Amino acid sequence: MNSHVSRRDLFRAGTQGALAATVFASVSGDAIRADAPKGGGDAGKLWPGFPRHEQKLVAEIVGVAHFNEQRVKELVKTCPELVNAWWDWGFGDWESPLGAASHVGHRGIAEFLLSHGARIDIFAAAMLGFTDVVNAFVAAQPGVQRALGPHGISLLAHAKAGGKAATGTVAYLEKLGDSDGELEVVSLAAESRQKYLGQFASDQHDLKLMCRLNKAERLVVDVETGDDQSNGRLIHYIGDDEFYPAGVPSVRIRFAVGKEKATAVTIRGTVPELTLQRSEG
């Protein structure tokens, strides 16, 4: 039987550690050498999208900022401007290196990034235990404590990730009473997940979507379009064969289900509306 559970339950049950271990693995492309020329390519060679920054470097620093302080330092030494880079994990789930370090409670990485010019926000301040800063944010903009960070993680969860150093911030936010308002999701029995698995394709666009189970037996989607791909995006069930991608409740992924399995999937919301038909699986 389905029951409502909050994202805070998923977070407290170990989502934080699982994300830190797997988030960088979903970044496509080869790792960038620490001694590579600025931009990650050969000297004099322009990368795709120039003069915007090399996307492989952006993806890498946001990924490793969840867990690898040494690699973060190497990348910032090579490309100092990466401290303020942002990466879209898919569908508009934006994250910076500081945001990555903050929600997993990696104080060393966060402090290093700030010392090299990263722009502090309320989520980093909460994790670091800067209660006066968090209080100033709330005083300047009442209600900001209800905002959600990368992947839809609450402000209070960020503070709790900070451990002992952030106990005062946790107490302050708990007193406010509304800084842990995460989105509700619906639990989905293991046998019910099977009908969504498989590959879907669009005959109007060079687009493929694979729905599969990750190592934690949770539903994820891989989206491929041309030479670009976004892998392993968690999708949260909200009922009636409909999901939203992690951190982006404005986007809906709805499956049309036949007798035994989904025959099509429609993506709609703050993205172009697309319907893909089952092609494999």
Protein backbone atom coordinates (compact mmCIF):
# COMPACT_ATOMS: atom_id res chain seq x y z
CA MET A 1 0.00 0.00 0.00
CA ASN A 2 1.37 3.45 -0.91
CA SER A 3 1.98 5.91 1.90
CA HIS A 4 3.18 9.50 1.95
CA VAL A 5 6.75 10.06 3.04
CA SER A 6 8.69 13.31 2.95
CA ARG A 7 12.01 14.00 1.29
CA ARG A 8 13.41 14.67 4.77
CA ASP A 9 12.81 10.98 5.56
CA LEU A 10 14.78 9.97 2.47
CA PHE A 11 17.56 12.38 3.41
CA ARG A 12 17.80 11.15 6.99
CA ALA A 13 17.73 7.54 5.86
CA GLY A 14 20.98 7.90 3.98
CA THR A 15 20.27 9.83 0.80
CA GLN A 16 23.04 12.26 1.72
CA GLY A 17 25.74 9.58 1.65
CA ALA A 18 24.36 7.85 -1.42
CA LEU A 19 24.26 11.11 -3.33
CA ALA A 20 27.82 11.99 -2.41
CA ALA A 21 29.00 8.58 -3.62
CA THR A 22 27.08 8.53 -6.89
CA VAL A 23 26.52 12.10 -8.03
CA PHE A 24 29.91 12.50 -9.70
CA ALA A 25 29.63 9.10 -11.36
CA SER A 26 26.75 10.46 -13.43
CA VAL A 27 28.90 13.18 -15.03
CA SER A 28 29.62 12.28 -18.63
CA GLY A 29 33.02 12.77 -20.23
CA ASP A 30 36.57 12.00 -19.22
CA ALA A 31 38.06 13.43 -16.04
CA ILE A 32 40.11 16.57 -16.52
CA ARG A 33 43.80 16.46 -15.57
CA ALA A 34 44.77 18.79 -12.75
CA ASP A 35 47.67 20.14 -14.80
CA ALA A 36 45.57 20.64 -17.95
CA PRO A 37 45.70 24.06 -19.63
CA LYS A 38 43.00 26.49 -18.55
CA GLY A 39 39.68 25.38 -20.02
CA GLY A 40 40.69 21.71 -19.96
CA GLY A 41 41.74 21.48 -23.61
CA ASP A 42 45.00 21.65 -25.54
CA ALA A 43 46.73 25.04 -25.61
CA GLY A 44 45.15 27.17 -28.31
CA LYS A 45 42.24 24.80 -28.84
CA LEU A 46 38.73 26.12 -28.18
CA TRP A 47 36.22 23.93 -26.39
CA PRO A 48 32.52 23.67 -27.38
CA GLY A 49 30.58 26.75 -26.26
CA PHE A 50 33.61 29.07 -25.96
CA PRO A 51 33.77 31.69 -24.44
CA ARG A 52 31.42 30.13 -21.89
CA HIS A 53 33.38 27.89 -19.57
CA GLU A 54 34.35 24.32 -20.40
CA GLN A 55 31.35 22.25 -19.27
CA LYS A 56 33.40 19.20 -18.35
CA LEU A 57 35.27 21.27 -15.79
CA VAL A 58 32.03 22.72 -14.40
CA ALA A 59 30.51 19.25 -14.10
CA GLU A 60 33.63 17.89 -12.46
CA ILE A 61 34.08 20.53 -9.78
CA VAL A 62 30.42 20.43 -8.75
CA GLY A 63 30.58 16.63 -8.64
CA VAL A 64 33.77 16.32 -6.60
CA ALA A 65 32.77 19.17 -4.26
CA HIS A 66 30.49 16.61 -2.60
CA PHE A 67 33.43 14.56 -1.30
CA ASN A 68 36.93 15.21 -2.73
CA GLU A 69 38.66 18.23 -1.18
CA GLN A 70 42.01 17.57 -2.82
CA ARG A 71 40.51 17.47 -6.31
CA VAL A 72 38.56 20.66 -5.64
CA LYS A 73 41.81 22.40 -4.71
CA GLU A 74 43.51 21.14 -7.88
CA LEU A 75 40.70 22.39 -10.08
CA VAL A 76 40.51 25.80 -8.40
CA LYS A 77 44.28 26.20 -8.71
CA THR A 78 43.97 25.52 -12.45
CA CYS A 79 40.78 27.56 -12.99
CA PRO A 80 40.03 29.92 -10.06
CA GLU A 81 36.71 31.09 -11.56
CA LEU A 82 35.24 27.61 -11.07
CA VAL A 83 34.45 28.47 -7.45
CA ASN A 84 31.30 30.23 -8.70
CA ALA A 85 30.33 27.79 -11.45
CA TRP A 86 26.87 26.21 -11.52
CA TRP A 87 25.87 22.86 -13.01
CA ASP A 88 22.39 21.72 -14.07
CA TRP A 89 22.04 18.06 -13.11
CA GLY A 90 18.93 17.84 -15.27
CA PHE A 91 15.59 19.61 -15.80
CA GLY A 92 16.85 22.68 -13.89
CA ASP A 93 18.33 21.14 -10.72
CA TRP A 94 21.12 23.73 -10.43
CA GLU A 95 24.04 23.37 -8.02
CA SER A 96 27.32 25.17 -7.31
CA PRO A 97 30.45 23.66 -5.74
CA LEU A 98 29.58 25.47 -2.49
CA GLY A 99 26.03 24.13 -2.68
CA ALA A 100 27.38 20.60 -3.12
CA ALA A 101 29.70 20.85 -0.11
CA SER A 102 26.97 22.46 1.99
CA HIS A 103 24.23 19.85 1.73
CA VAL A 104 26.63 16.97 2.50
CA GLY A 105 28.23 18.85 5.40
CA HIS A 106 31.77 19.01 3.99
CA ARG A 107 33.04 21.98 5.98
CA GLY A 108 36.62 21.80 4.68
CA ILE A 109 35.55 22.13 1.05
CA ALA A 110 33.08 24.90 1.86
CA GLU A 111 35.66 26.93 3.77
CA PHE A 112 38.21 26.49 1.00
CA LEU A 113 35.75 27.67 -1.65
CA LEU A 114 34.75 30.70 0.41
CA SER A 115 38.39 31.63 0.96
CA HIS A 116 38.81 31.64 -2.81
CA GLY A 117 35.88 33.89 -3.61
CA ALA A 118 32.80 31.66 -3.62
CA ARG A 119 29.60 33.62 -2.99
CA ILE A 120 28.05 32.56 0.30
CA ASP A 121 24.33 31.84 0.48
CA ILE A 122 21.90 30.98 3.25
CA PHE A 123 22.36 27.22 2.77
CA ALA A 124 26.15 27.37 3.19
CA ALA A 125 25.72 29.70 6.17
CA ALA A 126 23.34 27.24 7.80
CA MET A 127 25.71 24.28 7.35
CA LEU A 128 28.67 26.28 8.66
CA GLY A 129 26.73 27.34 11.76
CA PHE A 130 26.67 31.05 10.95
CA THR A 131 23.47 31.66 12.91
CA ASP A 132 23.76 35.45 12.81
CA VAL A 133 24.07 35.34 9.01
CA VAL A 134 21.05 33.06 8.65
CA ASN A 135 19.10 35.29 11.03
CA ALA A 136 20.06 38.34 8.93
CA PHE A 137 18.81 36.63 5.77
CA VAL A 138 15.48 35.86 7.44
CA ALA A 139 15.16 39.39 8.86
CA ALA A 140 15.87 40.91 5.44
CA GLN A 141 13.53 38.56 3.59
CA PRO A 142 10.94 36.91 5.86
CA GLY A 143 10.02 33.45 4.60
CA VAL A 144 13.38 32.77 2.94
CA GLN A 145 13.86 29.93 5.43
CA ARG A 146 11.26 27.95 3.49
CA ALA A 147 13.31 27.98 0.28
CA LEU A 148 14.75 24.65 -0.86
CA GLY A 149 18.35 24.13 -1.91
CA PRO A 150 19.87 21.88 -4.60
CA HIS A 151 17.99 18.59 -5.08
CA GLY A 152 15.10 20.00 -3.04
CA ILE A 153 16.95 19.75 0.29
CA SER A 154 15.67 22.01 3.05
CA LEU A 155 17.51 24.72 4.97
CA LEU A 156 17.17 22.81 8.25
CA ALA A 157 18.67 19.69 6.64
CA HIS A 158 21.67 21.78 5.57
CA ALA A 159 22.13 22.98 9.15
CA LYS A 160 21.90 19.44 10.50
CA ALA A 161 24.54 18.36 7.98
CA GLY A 162 26.89 20.82 9.71
CA GLY A 163 27.07 18.70 12.87
CA LYS A 164 28.14 20.13 16.22
CA ALA A 165 29.33 23.43 14.77
CA ALA A 166 25.80 24.16 13.55
CA THR A 167 23.80 23.13 16.63
CA GLY A 168 22.92 26.75 17.38
CA THR A 169 21.68 27.24 13.83
CA VAL A 170 19.61 24.07 14.05
CA ALA A 171 18.01 25.31 17.27
CA TYR A 172 17.26 28.70 15.69
CA LEU A 173 15.67 27.16 12.60
CA GLU A 174 13.66 24.66 14.62
CA LYS A 175 12.30 27.55 16.64
CA LEU A 176 11.13 29.21 13.40
CA GLY A 177 9.16 26.04 12.73
CA ASP A 178 8.99 26.18 8.94
CA SER A 179 12.51 25.62 7.62
CA ASP A 180 12.08 21.89 6.97
CA GLY A 181 9.09 22.00 4.64
CA GLU A 182 10.19 19.58 1.97
CA LEU A 183 8.03 18.25 -0.82
CA GLU A 184 5.85 15.22 -0.23
CA VAL A 185 6.44 12.10 -2.27
CA VAL A 186 4.63 8.77 -2.37
CA SER A 187 6.32 5.46 -1.63
CA LEU A 188 6.22 2.98 -4.49
CA ALA A 189 6.33 -0.78 -3.91
CA ALA A 190 9.17 -2.66 -5.61
CA GLU A 191 6.83 -4.65 -7.83
CA SER A 192 5.12 -1.46 -8.99
CA ARG A 193 8.37 0.05 -10.29
CA GLN A 194 8.84 -2.60 -12.94
CA LYS A 195 6.16 -1.27 -15.26
CA TYR A 196 8.03 1.99 -15.79
CA LEU A 197 11.35 0.42 -16.76
CA GLY A 198 12.55 0.51 -20.35
CA GLN A 199 13.64 2.82 -23.15
CA PHE A 200 11.45 5.42 -24.82
CA ALA A 201 12.14 7.49 -27.92
CA SER A 202 10.66 10.45 -29.82
CA ASP A 203 10.09 10.30 -33.58
CA GLN A 204 10.14 14.12 -33.76
CA HIS A 205 13.39 14.77 -31.89
CA ASP A 206 16.73 13.06 -31.46
CA LEU A 207 15.74 12.18 -27.92
CA LYS A 208 15.82 9.00 -25.86
CA LEU A 209 14.78 8.37 -22.27
CA MET A 210 15.75 5.29 -20.29
CA CYS A 211 13.95 4.54 -17.05
CA ARG A 212 15.87 2.15 -14.81
CA LEU A 213 16.67 1.26 -11.22
CA ASN A 214 19.86 2.55 -9.64
CA LYS A 215 22.01 0.63 -7.15
CA ALA A 216 19.67 1.70 -4.35
CA GLU A 217 16.73 0.22 -6.29
CA ARG A 218 15.23 3.66 -6.87
CA LEU A 219 13.82 4.85 -10.17
CA VAL A 220 16.05 7.11 -12.24
CA VAL A 221 15.97 8.37 -15.80
CA ASP A 222 18.77 8.80 -18.32
CA VAL A 223 18.01 11.35 -21.02
CA GLU A 224 20.01 11.45 -24.25
CA THR A 225 19.68 14.04 -26.97
CA GLY A 226 22.20 14.16 -29.79
CA ASP A 227 25.67 14.24 -28.27
CA ASP A 228 24.45 15.31 -24.83
CA GLN A 229 23.13 13.20 -21.99
CA SER A 230 21.99 13.51 -18.40
CA ASN A 231 22.27 10.28 -16.46
CA GLY A 232 20.81 8.97 -13.26
CA ARG A 233 18.26 11.64 -12.38
CA LEU A 234 16.14 10.46 -9.47
CA ILE A 235 12.42 10.75 -10.05
CA HIS A 236 9.93 11.03 -7.17
CA TYR A 237 6.49 9.46 -7.40
CA ILE A 238 3.49 11.67 -6.68
CA GLY A 239 0.72 9.28 -7.75
CA ASP A 240 -1.30 8.38 -10.85
CA ASP A 241 1.80 7.21 -12.79
CA GLU A 242 3.36 10.67 -12.46
CA PHE A 243 6.77 11.73 -11.15
CA TYR A 244 8.93 14.83 -10.83
CA PRO A 245 12.75 14.89 -11.17
CA ALA A 246 14.70 15.49 -7.96
CA GLY A 247 14.78 19.15 -7.05
CA VAL A 248 12.48 20.28 -9.87
CA PRO A 249 8.78 19.94 -8.88
CA SER A 250 7.76 22.23 -11.76
CA VAL A 251 8.53 19.41 -14.23
CA ARG A 252 6.30 16.34 -14.54
CA ILE A 253 7.16 12.97 -16.04
CA ARG A 254 3.99 10.97 -16.63
CA PHE A 255 3.82 7.41 -17.92
CA ALA A 256 0.94 6.02 -19.97
CA VAL A 257 0.58 2.50 -18.61
CA GLY A 258 -0.92 -0.44 -20.47
CA LYS A 259 -1.83 -3.80 -18.98
CA GLU A 260 1.66 -4.67 -17.77
CA LYS A 261 4.03 -1.82 -18.57
CA ALA A 262 4.26 1.80 -19.68
CA THR A 263 3.77 2.34 -23.40
CA ALA A 264 4.73 6.03 -23.48
CA VAL A 265 6.04 8.84 -21.30
CA THR A 266 5.28 12.57 -21.46
CA ILE A 267 7.55 15.29 -20.10
CA ARG A 268 5.90 18.63 -19.40
CA GLY A 269 6.24 21.73 -17.26
CA THR A 270 9.03 24.29 -17.54
CA VAL A 271 10.50 22.32 -20.44
CA PRO A 272 9.17 21.70 -23.97
CA GLU A 273 6.32 19.19 -23.75
CA LEU A 274 7.40 15.92 -25.32
CA THR A 275 5.89 12.48 -25.64
CA LEU A 276 8.11 9.47 -26.20
CA GLN A 277 6.97 5.98 -27.17
CA ARG A 278 8.40 2.74 -25.77
CA SER A 279 11.15 1.51 -28.08
CA GLU A 280 12.89 -1.20 -26.04
CA GLY A 281 12.42 -3.19 -22.86
